[in-house]
Amino acid sequence: MNTQDIIRLASEYLANLSGHTFDILKVYKPTSAEAAVNLAKVISKLSPLLGNLIEFNTVELLNNQEIFATFGEWKRQDPGFPDTIFVGDIKPTPGLEIKVWFPLATEITARFKDSQNHFRRDQTYVALIAWLPEAVIYGRPKIIDVCVVSGYSIAKARDDHYHNPPDYLIIEPEDTTERTANLQQTNTNGYKFQGTDEDFMEAEEIVKSWGNDGRVYKPTPEYQKLLRELIAHFKYRLDTNFAKMDRIVHPEIESFKERIYKTECSGMEIYQWQKLLASRRDESMKSALRRYLGITEENIDKILD
């Protein structure tokens, strides 16, 4: 059993979570179409809380599989990257970064900023878990689907997508290996050019001087030195939207998103639900909620009794 075997097995168990419901919290059925519309507008607020609870339960589920017990156990790192690691005799240490996605939101808002250097031994993978309440806006949390992807492939796709010197630069963290674990830096950052047209033309000439592969991103100290020289000489701003997973354009993640949006849930595809609930057209929402979720007006006195 090696690192890739552990990750492969964990990936298979996580994939089997599709359709699984967690008995960790339940949102009760609204008592009227008006209440359903109000719930639909705020249900996404539960996502961070339920996301954490799903993460906890996912680690517990993996540890319930006997095949892992012989070699070690999965343990959460809070805080820390990745979210969970396999502690035992397997080296390099297998790890899973768990990203939970509520697809009624506009995009996958989770970020992935860790440096390619962290994944050089392909020991850490990302588990992207999509969930919804059983009946779209109410019920228990239900796993729609799971996608497990190499962390290295995501980091590389991110850097290849964003890096475009001198217009856009990816900067690696400083070398902090001598620091204690809680002070080590692993996150990259994106910087957007903000200088004048004349400055840009000057910066272009500098980049051209780097050679034919000068625009190809490298997380090496030598290449990073060149990028830092650009930042020192020209005006750049820190991109606060950098590395959102929805914008990385990773083939497996894009395929996963498409699969999720086309999944039917309570009579409509998830994309249709997302579009409807984002429209804020209350009457259209009420009509669909009555038709597909069986929302009916209930007498308040009977409810209280």
Protein backbone atom coordinates (compact mmCIF):
# COMPACT_ATOMS: atom_id res chain seq x y z
CA MET A 1 0.00 0.00 0.00
CA ASN A 2 1.44 3.37 -1.03
CA THR A 3 0.29 7.00 -1.14
CA GLN A 4 -1.55 6.67 -4.44
CA ASP A 5 -3.30 3.49 -3.26
CA ILE A 6 -4.60 5.27 -0.15
CA ILE A 7 -5.85 8.24 -2.17
CA ARG A 8 -7.43 5.97 -4.80
CA LEU A 9 -9.33 4.03 -2.15
CA ALA A 10 -10.44 7.20 -0.38
CA SER A 11 -11.61 8.60 -3.73
CA GLU A 12 -13.70 5.50 -4.38
CA TYR A 13 -15.36 5.70 -0.97
CA LEU A 14 -16.06 9.40 -1.42
CA ALA A 15 -17.54 8.79 -4.88
CA ASN A 16 -19.97 6.35 -3.26
CA LEU A 17 -21.32 9.23 -1.15
CA SER A 18 -23.40 10.39 -4.12
CA GLY A 19 -27.04 10.29 -3.02
CA HIS A 20 -26.09 9.96 0.66
CA THR A 21 -27.96 12.08 3.22
CA PHE A 22 -26.42 13.25 6.49
CA ASP A 23 -28.47 13.21 9.70
CA ILE A 24 -26.71 16.28 11.05
CA LEU A 25 -29.35 18.95 10.52
CA LYS A 26 -32.80 19.20 8.99
CA VAL A 27 -34.61 22.17 7.49
CA TYR A 28 -38.36 21.63 7.80
CA LYS A 29 -40.80 22.08 4.94
CA PRO A 30 -42.12 25.66 4.67
CA THR A 31 -45.75 26.11 5.62
CA SER A 32 -46.61 28.44 2.74
CA ALA A 33 -45.36 29.56 -0.65
CA GLU A 34 -44.40 32.92 0.87
CA ALA A 35 -42.33 31.21 3.55
CA ALA A 36 -40.75 28.98 0.89
CA VAL A 37 -39.68 32.01 -1.16
CA ASN A 38 -38.13 33.61 1.93
CA LEU A 39 -36.33 30.36 2.75
CA ALA A 40 -35.06 30.03 -0.82
CA LYS A 41 -33.48 33.48 -0.55
CA VAL A 42 -31.48 32.63 2.58
CA ILE A 43 -30.85 28.86 2.40
CA SER A 44 -27.33 29.46 1.08
CA LYS A 45 -26.47 31.03 4.45
CA LEU A 46 -26.41 27.50 5.86
CA SER A 47 -23.71 26.41 3.43
CA PRO A 48 -20.63 27.33 5.54
CA LEU A 49 -22.03 25.58 8.63
CA LEU A 50 -23.18 22.49 6.77
CA GLY A 51 -19.97 22.47 4.78
CA ASN A 52 -17.97 22.06 7.98
CA LEU A 53 -20.33 19.40 9.30
CA ILE A 54 -20.06 17.46 6.03
CA GLU A 55 -16.26 17.67 6.27
CA PHE A 56 -16.34 16.22 9.80
CA ASN A 57 -18.66 13.40 8.76
CA THR A 58 -16.61 12.62 5.65
CA VAL A 59 -13.49 12.01 7.75
CA GLU A 60 -15.50 9.82 10.12
CA LEU A 61 -16.86 7.82 7.18
CA LEU A 62 -13.36 7.17 5.83
CA ASN A 63 -12.15 6.00 9.24
CA ASN A 64 -15.05 3.54 9.40
CA GLN A 65 -13.55 1.64 6.44
CA GLU A 66 -11.57 -1.30 7.83
CA ILE A 67 -9.07 -1.31 4.97
CA PHE A 68 -7.45 1.88 6.28
CA ALA A 69 -7.10 0.71 9.90
CA THR A 70 -4.12 -1.54 9.18
CA PHE A 71 -2.05 1.35 7.85
CA GLY A 72 -3.22 4.37 9.88
CA GLU A 73 -6.16 6.74 10.21
CA TRP A 74 -7.52 9.92 8.68
CA LYS A 75 -7.16 12.99 10.89
CA ARG A 76 -8.46 16.52 10.43
CA GLN A 77 -6.10 19.46 10.52
CA ASP A 78 -7.86 22.52 11.88
CA PRO A 79 -6.42 24.88 10.92
CA GLY A 80 -4.01 23.54 8.36
CA PHE A 81 -3.63 22.33 4.80
CA PRO A 82 -4.88 19.93 3.64
CA ASP A 83 -8.07 19.50 5.70
CA THR A 84 -7.32 15.87 6.48
CA ILE A 85 -4.21 13.71 6.29
CA PHE A 86 -3.64 9.98 6.60
CA VAL A 87 -1.47 9.49 9.67
CA GLY A 88 0.45 6.21 9.66
CA ASP A 89 3.33 4.45 7.96
CA ILE A 90 2.53 5.63 4.41
CA LYS A 91 5.00 8.18 3.00
CA PRO A 92 4.66 10.75 1.57
CA THR A 93 1.64 11.46 3.76
CA PRO A 94 -1.62 11.23 1.76
CA GLY A 95 -3.90 14.23 2.15
CA LEU A 96 -7.35 15.41 1.12
CA GLU A 97 -8.46 19.01 0.89
CA ILE A 98 -12.27 18.95 1.13
CA LYS A 99 -14.18 21.70 -0.69
CA VAL A 100 -17.95 21.70 -0.21
CA TRP A 101 -20.08 23.35 -2.92
CA PHE A 102 -23.71 24.49 -2.70
CA PRO A 103 -24.65 24.69 -6.41
CA LEU A 104 -27.59 27.05 -5.91
CA ALA A 105 -24.91 29.68 -5.29
CA THR A 106 -23.63 31.54 -8.35
CA GLU A 107 -20.25 29.77 -8.51
CA ILE A 108 -17.79 27.54 -6.69
CA THR A 109 -16.51 30.20 -4.32
CA ALA A 110 -13.84 28.03 -2.70
CA ARG A 111 -10.30 29.20 -3.44
CA PHE A 112 -7.22 27.16 -4.20
CA LYS A 113 -4.10 29.25 -3.63
CA ASP A 114 -1.53 26.68 -2.53
CA SER A 115 1.75 26.58 -4.42
CA GLN A 116 2.61 23.89 -6.97
CA ASN A 117 5.66 23.23 -4.80
CA HIS A 118 3.43 21.72 -2.12
CA PHE A 119 2.26 19.00 -4.54
CA ARG A 120 5.55 17.93 -6.08
CA ARG A 121 5.05 14.36 -4.84
CA ASP A 122 1.36 14.26 -5.86
CA GLN A 123 0.41 13.37 -2.30
CA THR A 124 -2.56 15.74 -1.86
CA TYR A 125 -5.87 15.60 -3.71
CA VAL A 126 -8.95 17.83 -3.61
CA ALA A 127 -12.39 16.37 -2.92
CA LEU A 128 -15.10 18.65 -4.29
CA ILE A 129 -18.45 17.69 -2.74
CA ALA A 130 -21.69 19.16 -4.11
CA TRP A 131 -24.72 19.11 -1.82
CA LEU A 132 -28.30 20.35 -1.57
CA PRO A 133 -31.15 19.82 0.87
CA GLU A 134 -33.17 16.73 -0.08
CA ALA A 135 -35.98 18.85 -1.52
CA VAL A 136 -33.86 21.67 -2.95
CA ILE A 137 -34.56 24.16 -0.13
CA TYR A 138 -35.61 21.90 2.75
CA GLY A 139 -34.81 18.50 4.22
CA ARG A 140 -31.51 16.95 5.28
CA PRO A 141 -28.22 17.69 3.48
CA LYS A 142 -27.85 15.35 0.51
CA ILE A 143 -24.66 14.72 -1.48
CA ILE A 144 -25.34 15.26 -5.18
CA ASP A 145 -21.96 14.15 -6.49
CA VAL A 146 -18.24 14.07 -5.66
CA CYS A 147 -15.17 14.87 -7.73
CA VAL A 148 -11.64 14.02 -6.52
CA VAL A 149 -8.82 15.73 -8.40
CA SER A 150 -5.05 15.94 -8.08
CA GLY A 151 -4.05 19.06 -6.16
CA TYR A 152 -1.03 19.47 -8.40
CA SER A 153 -3.18 19.48 -11.54
CA ILE A 154 -5.40 22.22 -10.06
CA ALA A 155 -2.42 24.36 -9.01
CA LYS A 156 -0.84 24.02 -12.45
CA ALA A 157 -4.11 24.75 -14.28
CA ARG A 158 -4.59 27.83 -12.09
CA ASP A 159 -1.10 29.17 -12.77
CA ASP A 160 -1.29 28.43 -16.50
CA HIS A 161 -4.68 30.16 -16.69
CA TYR A 162 -3.80 33.33 -14.78
CA HIS A 163 -0.09 33.90 -15.45
CA ASN A 164 0.47 36.31 -18.35
CA PRO A 165 3.50 38.54 -17.75
CA PRO A 166 3.77 41.45 -17.59
CA ASP A 167 -0.03 41.91 -17.41
CA TYR A 168 -0.67 39.30 -14.70
CA LEU A 169 1.85 37.69 -12.36
CA ILE A 170 1.66 34.70 -10.01
CA ILE A 171 3.91 35.17 -7.00
CA GLU A 172 5.04 32.29 -4.81
CA PRO A 173 5.23 32.63 -1.01
CA GLU A 174 8.58 33.37 0.59
CA ASP A 175 10.65 30.43 1.82
CA THR A 176 9.33 29.83 5.34
CA THR A 177 10.53 26.24 5.85
CA GLU A 178 12.57 27.31 8.88
CA ARG A 179 9.48 28.61 10.67
CA THR A 180 7.18 26.63 12.94
CA ALA A 181 4.25 24.93 11.19
CA ASN A 182 1.70 27.61 12.15
CA LEU A 183 3.85 30.35 10.58
CA GLN A 184 4.70 28.64 7.30
CA GLN A 185 3.32 30.19 4.12
CA THR A 186 2.08 28.08 1.21
CA ASN A 187 -0.28 30.42 -0.67
CA THR A 188 0.43 32.05 -4.01
CA ASN A 189 -1.03 35.44 -4.95
CA GLY A 190 -2.04 37.07 -8.22
CA TYR A 191 -1.03 40.60 -9.22
CA LYS A 192 -2.56 42.70 -12.01
CA PHE A 193 -0.57 45.37 -13.88
CA GLN A 194 -1.73 48.93 -13.05
CA GLY A 195 0.91 51.08 -14.74
CA THR A 196 0.65 53.38 -17.76
CA ASP A 197 0.76 52.25 -21.39
CA GLU A 198 4.35 53.42 -21.57
CA ASP A 199 5.18 51.41 -18.47
CA PHE A 200 3.55 48.35 -20.00
CA MET A 201 5.61 48.62 -23.17
CA GLU A 202 8.76 48.84 -21.06
CA ALA A 203 7.70 45.84 -19.00
CA GLU A 204 6.99 43.89 -22.22
CA GLU A 205 10.57 44.43 -23.37
CA ILE A 206 11.85 43.11 -20.06
CA VAL A 207 9.72 39.97 -20.36
CA LYS A 208 10.92 39.42 -23.94
CA SER A 209 14.49 39.47 -22.64
CA TRP A 210 13.71 36.37 -20.55
CA GLY A 211 13.78 34.18 -23.67
CA ASN A 212 11.31 32.02 -25.59
CA ASP A 213 9.85 30.34 -22.49
CA GLY A 214 9.91 33.48 -20.37
CA ARG A 215 6.12 33.64 -20.22
CA VAL A 216 5.79 30.02 -19.07
CA TYR A 217 5.09 29.93 -15.34
CA LYS A 218 7.64 28.33 -13.03
CA PRO A 219 7.48 28.17 -9.23
CA THR A 220 11.30 28.21 -9.03
CA PRO A 221 13.31 30.80 -7.04
CA GLU A 222 15.09 31.93 -10.22
CA TYR A 223 11.87 32.68 -12.11
CA GLN A 224 10.23 34.23 -9.06
CA LYS A 225 13.16 36.64 -8.78
CA LEU A 226 12.37 37.93 -12.29
CA LEU A 227 8.69 38.42 -11.39
CA ARG A 228 9.52 40.25 -8.16
CA GLU A 229 11.75 42.61 -10.11
CA LEU A 230 8.73 43.56 -12.26
CA ILE A 231 6.64 44.23 -9.15
CA ALA A 232 9.47 46.33 -7.72
CA HIS A 233 9.72 48.50 -10.84
CA PHE A 234 6.08 48.82 -11.94
CA LYS A 235 2.69 49.36 -10.33
CA TYR A 236 0.66 46.20 -9.60
CA ARG A 237 -2.39 45.52 -7.45
CA LEU A 238 -3.21 42.40 -5.48
CA ASP A 239 -6.10 40.52 -7.14
CA THR A 240 -8.61 39.69 -4.39
CA ASN A 241 -10.56 37.36 -6.72
CA PHE A 242 -7.52 35.25 -7.54
CA ALA A 243 -7.77 31.44 -7.50
CA LYS A 244 -11.53 30.95 -7.16
CA MET A 245 -11.99 27.35 -8.28
CA ASP A 246 -14.85 28.32 -10.57
CA ARG A 247 -12.45 30.47 -12.60
CA ILE A 248 -9.42 28.20 -12.83
CA VAL A 249 -10.75 26.38 -15.94
CA HIS A 250 -9.66 22.90 -14.89
CA PRO A 251 -11.07 20.24 -17.27
CA GLU A 252 -12.23 17.80 -14.58
CA ILE A 253 -13.78 20.56 -12.46
CA GLU A 254 -15.54 22.04 -15.49
CA SER A 255 -16.93 18.59 -16.36
CA PHE A 256 -18.06 18.14 -12.74
CA LYS A 257 -19.86 21.50 -12.76
CA GLU A 258 -21.66 20.62 -15.99
CA ARG A 259 -22.70 17.25 -14.58
CA ILE A 260 -24.04 18.84 -11.40
CA TYR A 261 -26.02 21.53 -13.19
CA LYS A 262 -27.65 18.89 -15.43
CA THR A 263 -28.63 16.69 -12.48
CA GLU A 264 -32.39 16.52 -11.97
CA CYS A 265 -33.60 17.39 -8.50
CA SER A 266 -37.29 17.54 -7.55
CA GLY A 267 -38.52 17.86 -11.11
CA MET A 268 -36.03 20.34 -12.55
CA GLU A 269 -32.33 20.39 -13.35
CA ILE A 270 -30.18 22.06 -10.73
CA TYR A 271 -29.20 24.78 -13.20
CA GLN A 272 -32.89 25.59 -13.69
CA TRP A 273 -33.38 25.81 -9.92
CA GLN A 274 -30.32 28.02 -9.60
CA LYS A 275 -31.55 30.34 -12.35
CA LEU A 276 -35.07 30.49 -10.89
CA LEU A 277 -33.99 31.22 -7.31
CA ALA A 278 -31.48 33.82 -8.47
CA SER A 279 -34.15 35.65 -10.49
CA ARG A 280 -35.83 37.10 -7.37
CA ARG A 281 -39.16 36.94 -9.25
CA ASP A 282 -41.33 35.99 -6.31
CA GLU A 283 -44.46 34.94 -8.22
CA SER A 284 -42.51 32.65 -10.57
CA MET A 285 -40.72 31.19 -7.57
CA LYS A 286 -43.97 30.58 -5.70
CA SER A 287 -45.50 28.83 -8.71
CA ALA A 288 -42.50 26.50 -9.14
CA LEU A 289 -42.23 25.78 -5.41
CA ARG A 290 -45.91 24.82 -5.26
CA ARG A 291 -45.66 22.65 -8.37
CA TYR A 292 -42.39 20.84 -7.78
CA LEU A 293 -41.98 20.85 -3.99
CA GLY A 294 -45.61 20.45 -2.99
CA ILE A 295 -45.67 23.65 -0.98
CA THR A 296 -49.24 24.29 0.25
CA GLU A 297 -50.80 26.92 2.46
CA GLU A 298 -51.33 25.50 5.95
CA ASN A 299 -53.61 26.84 8.64
CA ILE A 300 -51.47 28.42 11.36
CA ASP A 301 -53.84 27.27 14.12
CA LYS A 302 -53.46 23.62 13.04
CA ILE A 303 -49.68 23.99 12.98
CA LEU A 304 -49.63 25.42 16.51
CA ASP A 305 -51.94 22.68 17.77
